[in-house]
Amino acid sequence: MSLFNILLQSHSGSWAILVILFLITYFTRQKVTLMLQRLFYLIMIVTGVGMLVQLHFPLHYVLKGILAIVLIGVMEMMVARKRKGNPMAAMWIVLIILLVLVLLLAYNVIG
């Protein structure tokens, strides 16, 4: 198994777990899931950068990485605003749009 394939499987798996952890963290008040969510942010970023290095930084995937980091920021803001009791209808729309864009870029539907 090649290094790129290992990074790819780790990256896609961490994204799936990250979305699940985000939903659990958002709808419950558990600190453990928030810490696990942040751990998976790190795993996802490290594996993503590793794949970018393996592919020699194609612009398409660099753009996906930037959007993914913005998506992480939106997830963090949503959890913080939920705990403070602020309204977030617009944040959900931004989150869904960013998530769809990242997935479409990841699977070369847009490109």
C-alpha atoms as a PDB file:
ATOM      1  CA  MET A   1       0.000   0.000   0.000  1.00  0.00           C
ATOM      2  CA  SER A   2       1.464   3.356  -0.999  1.00  0.00           C
ATOM      3  CA  LEU A   3       1.928   6.315   1.318  1.00  0.00           C
ATOM      4  CA  PHE A   4      -0.541   8.364  -0.715  1.00  0.00           C
ATOM      5  CA  ASN A   5      -3.217   5.686  -0.374  1.00  0.00           C
ATOM      6  CA  ILE A   6      -2.665   5.526   3.397  1.00  0.00           C
ATOM      7  CA  LEU A   7      -2.975   9.315   3.632  1.00  0.00           C
ATOM      8  CA  LEU A   8      -6.083   9.305   1.432  1.00  0.00           C
ATOM      9  CA  GLN A   9      -7.858   6.655   3.503  1.00  0.00           C
ATOM     10  CA  SER A  10      -6.929   8.392   6.762  1.00  0.00           C
ATOM     11  CA  HIS A  11      -8.051  11.752   5.377  1.00  0.00           C
ATOM     12  CA  SER A  12     -11.421  10.592   4.083  1.00  0.00           C
ATOM     13  CA  GLY A  13     -12.076   8.581   7.238  1.00  0.00           C
ATOM     14  CA  SER A  14     -11.224  11.533   9.446  1.00  0.00           C
ATOM     15  CA  TRP A  15     -13.672  13.710   7.483  1.00  0.00           C
ATOM     16  CA  ALA A  16     -16.478  11.220   8.005  1.00  0.00           C
ATOM     17  CA  ILE A  17     -15.758  10.942  11.727  1.00  0.00           C
ATOM     18  CA  LEU A  18     -15.363  14.725  11.981  1.00  0.00           C
ATOM     19  CA  VAL A  19     -18.845  15.390  10.598  1.00  0.00           C
ATOM     20  CA  ILE A  20     -20.354  12.879  13.024  1.00  0.00           C
ATOM     21  CA  LEU A  21     -18.428  14.349  15.969  1.00  0.00           C
ATOM     22  CA  PHE A  22     -19.514  17.861  14.962  1.00  0.00           C
ATOM     23  CA  LEU A  23     -23.171  16.866  15.006  1.00  0.00           C
ATOM     24  CA  ILE A  24     -22.802  15.133  18.375  1.00  0.00           C
ATOM     25  CA  THR A  25     -20.934  18.135  19.818  1.00  0.00           C
ATOM     26  CA  TYR A  26     -23.465  20.591  18.415  1.00  0.00           C
ATOM     27  CA  PHE A  27     -26.580  18.831  19.661  1.00  0.00           C
ATOM     28  CA  THR A  28     -25.208  17.779  23.056  1.00  0.00           C
ATOM     29  CA  ARG A  29     -23.062  19.558  25.617  1.00  0.00           C
ATOM     30  CA  GLN A  30     -20.221  17.061  25.882  1.00  0.00           C
ATOM     31  CA  LYS A  31     -16.679  18.350  26.158  1.00  0.00           C
ATOM     32  CA  VAL A  32     -15.150  15.000  25.247  1.00  0.00           C
ATOM     33  CA  THR A  33     -16.632  15.048  21.755  1.00  0.00           C
ATOM     34  CA  LEU A  34     -15.372  18.615  21.263  1.00  0.00           C
ATOM     35  CA  MET A  35     -11.841  17.521  22.162  1.00  0.00           C
ATOM     36  CA  LEU A  36     -12.116  14.519  19.845  1.00  0.00           C
ATOM     37  CA  GLN A  37     -13.433  16.810  17.119  1.00  0.00           C
ATOM     38  CA  ARG A  38     -10.361  19.018  17.483  1.00  0.00           C
ATOM     39  CA  LEU A  39      -8.100  15.960  17.364  1.00  0.00           C
ATOM     40  CA  PHE A  40      -9.690  14.935  14.078  1.00  0.00           C
ATOM     41  CA  TYR A  41      -9.170  18.484  12.751  1.00  0.00           C
ATOM     42  CA  LEU A  42      -5.456  17.929  13.283  1.00  0.00           C
ATOM     43  CA  ILE A  43      -5.486  14.474  11.706  1.00  0.00           C
ATOM     44  CA  MET A  44      -7.420  15.801   8.726  1.00  0.00           C
ATOM     45  CA  ILE A  45      -5.060  18.770   8.248  1.00  0.00           C
ATOM     46  CA  VAL A  46      -1.880  16.675   8.565  1.00  0.00           C
ATOM     47  CA  THR A  47      -3.083  14.019   6.125  1.00  0.00           C
ATOM     48  CA  GLY A  48      -4.341  16.701   3.723  1.00  0.00           C
ATOM     49  CA  VAL A  49      -0.999  18.494   3.714  1.00  0.00           C
ATOM     50  CA  GLY A  50       0.739  15.140   3.252  1.00  0.00           C
ATOM     51  CA  MET A  51      -1.352  14.428   0.179  1.00  0.00           C
ATOM     52  CA  LEU A  52      -0.674  17.925  -1.176  1.00  0.00           C
ATOM     53  CA  VAL A  53       3.056  17.307  -0.843  1.00  0.00           C
ATOM     54  CA  GLN A  54       2.716  13.926  -2.595  1.00  0.00           C
ATOM     55  CA  LEU A  55       0.760  15.553  -5.466  1.00  0.00           C
ATOM     56  CA  HIS A  56       3.085  18.600  -5.695  1.00  0.00           C
ATOM     57  CA  PHE A  57       0.436  21.171  -4.667  1.00  0.00           C
ATOM     58  CA  PRO A  58      -2.092  21.241  -7.541  1.00  0.00           C
ATOM     59  CA  LEU A  59      -4.173  24.423  -7.394  1.00  0.00           C
ATOM     60  CA  HIS A  60      -7.435  22.475  -7.377  1.00  0.00           C
ATOM     61  CA  TYR A  61      -6.569  20.732  -4.116  1.00  0.00           C
ATOM     62  CA  VAL A  62      -4.986  23.811  -2.565  1.00  0.00           C
ATOM     63  CA  LEU A  63      -8.342  25.573  -3.050  1.00  0.00           C
ATOM     64  CA  LYS A  64     -10.089  22.578  -1.450  1.00  0.00           C
ATOM     65  CA  GLY A  65      -7.714  22.794   1.506  1.00  0.00           C
ATOM     66  CA  ILE A  66      -8.410  26.492   2.004  1.00  0.00           C
ATOM     67  CA  LEU A  67     -12.165  25.896   1.890  1.00  0.00           C
ATOM     68  CA  ALA A  68     -11.763  22.986   4.320  1.00  0.00           C
ATOM     69  CA  ILE A  69      -9.929  25.193   6.819  1.00  0.00           C
ATOM     70  CA  VAL A  70     -12.692  27.799   6.503  1.00  0.00           C
ATOM     71  CA  LEU A  71     -15.187  24.977   7.099  1.00  0.00           C
ATOM     72  CA  ILE A  72     -13.332  24.033  10.285  1.00  0.00           C
ATOM     73  CA  GLY A  73     -13.577  27.648  11.414  1.00  0.00           C
ATOM     74  CA  VAL A  74     -17.324  27.691  10.740  1.00  0.00           C
ATOM     75  CA  MET A  75     -17.764  24.465  12.736  1.00  0.00           C
ATOM     76  CA  GLU A  76     -15.873  25.953  15.676  1.00  0.00           C
ATOM     77  CA  MET A  77     -17.885  29.183  15.517  1.00  0.00           C
ATOM     78  CA  MET A  78     -21.144  27.250  15.422  1.00  0.00           C
ATOM     79  CA  VAL A  79     -20.277  25.225  18.517  1.00  0.00           C
ATOM     80  CA  ALA A  80     -19.226  28.379  20.389  1.00  0.00           C
ATOM     81  CA  ARG A  81     -22.306  30.343  19.325  1.00  0.00           C
ATOM     82  CA  LYS A  82     -24.604  27.438  20.234  1.00  0.00           C
ATOM     83  CA  ARG A  83     -23.192  27.379  23.758  1.00  0.00           C
ATOM     84  CA  LYS A  84     -23.805  31.134  24.062  1.00  0.00           C
ATOM     85  CA  GLY A  85     -27.339  30.758  22.723  1.00  0.00           C
ATOM     86  CA  ASN A  86     -26.907  32.916  19.598  1.00  0.00           C
ATOM     87  CA  PRO A  87     -29.077  32.337  16.491  1.00  0.00           C
ATOM     88  CA  MET A  88     -27.385  30.459  13.662  1.00  0.00           C
ATOM     89  CA  ALA A  89     -29.633  29.948  10.644  1.00  0.00           C
ATOM     90  CA  ALA A  90     -27.132  31.693   8.361  1.00  0.00           C
ATOM     91  CA  MET A  91     -24.252  29.677   9.802  1.00  0.00           C
ATOM     92  CA  TRP A  92     -26.003  26.409   8.909  1.00  0.00           C
ATOM     93  CA  ILE A  93     -26.398  27.602   5.329  1.00  0.00           C
ATOM     94  CA  VAL A  94     -22.709  28.541   5.133  1.00  0.00           C
ATOM     95  CA  LEU A  95     -21.725  25.192   6.674  1.00  0.00           C
ATOM     96  CA  ILE A  96     -23.762  23.179   4.191  1.00  0.00           C
ATOM     97  CA  ILE A  97     -22.508  25.185   1.196  1.00  0.00           C
ATOM     98  CA  LEU A  98     -18.877  24.812   2.295  1.00  0.00           C
ATOM     99  CA  LEU A  99     -19.270  21.094   3.009  1.00  0.00           C
ATOM    100  CA  VAL A 100     -20.828  20.477  -0.406  1.00  0.00           C
ATOM    101  CA  LEU A 101     -18.104  22.515  -2.145  1.00  0.00           C
ATOM    102  CA  VAL A 102     -15.328  20.642  -0.337  1.00  0.00           C
ATOM    103  CA  LEU A 103     -16.860  17.276  -1.220  1.00  0.00           C
ATOM    104  CA  LEU A 104     -17.393  18.258  -4.860  1.00  0.00           C
ATOM    105  CA  LEU A 105     -13.790  19.440  -5.118  1.00  0.00           C
ATOM    106  CA  ALA A 106     -12.505  16.327  -3.362  1.00  0.00           C
ATOM    107  CA  TYR A 107     -14.225  13.958  -5.781  1.00  0.00           C
ATOM    108  CA  ASN A 108     -13.365  16.058  -8.861  1.00  0.00           C
ATOM    109  CA  VAL A 109     -16.990  16.852  -9.657  1.00  0.00           C
ATOM    110  CA  ILE A 110     -15.929  20.510  -9.814  1.00  0.00           C
ATOM    111  CA  GLY A 111     -12.554  21.132 -11.302  1.00  0.00           C
END
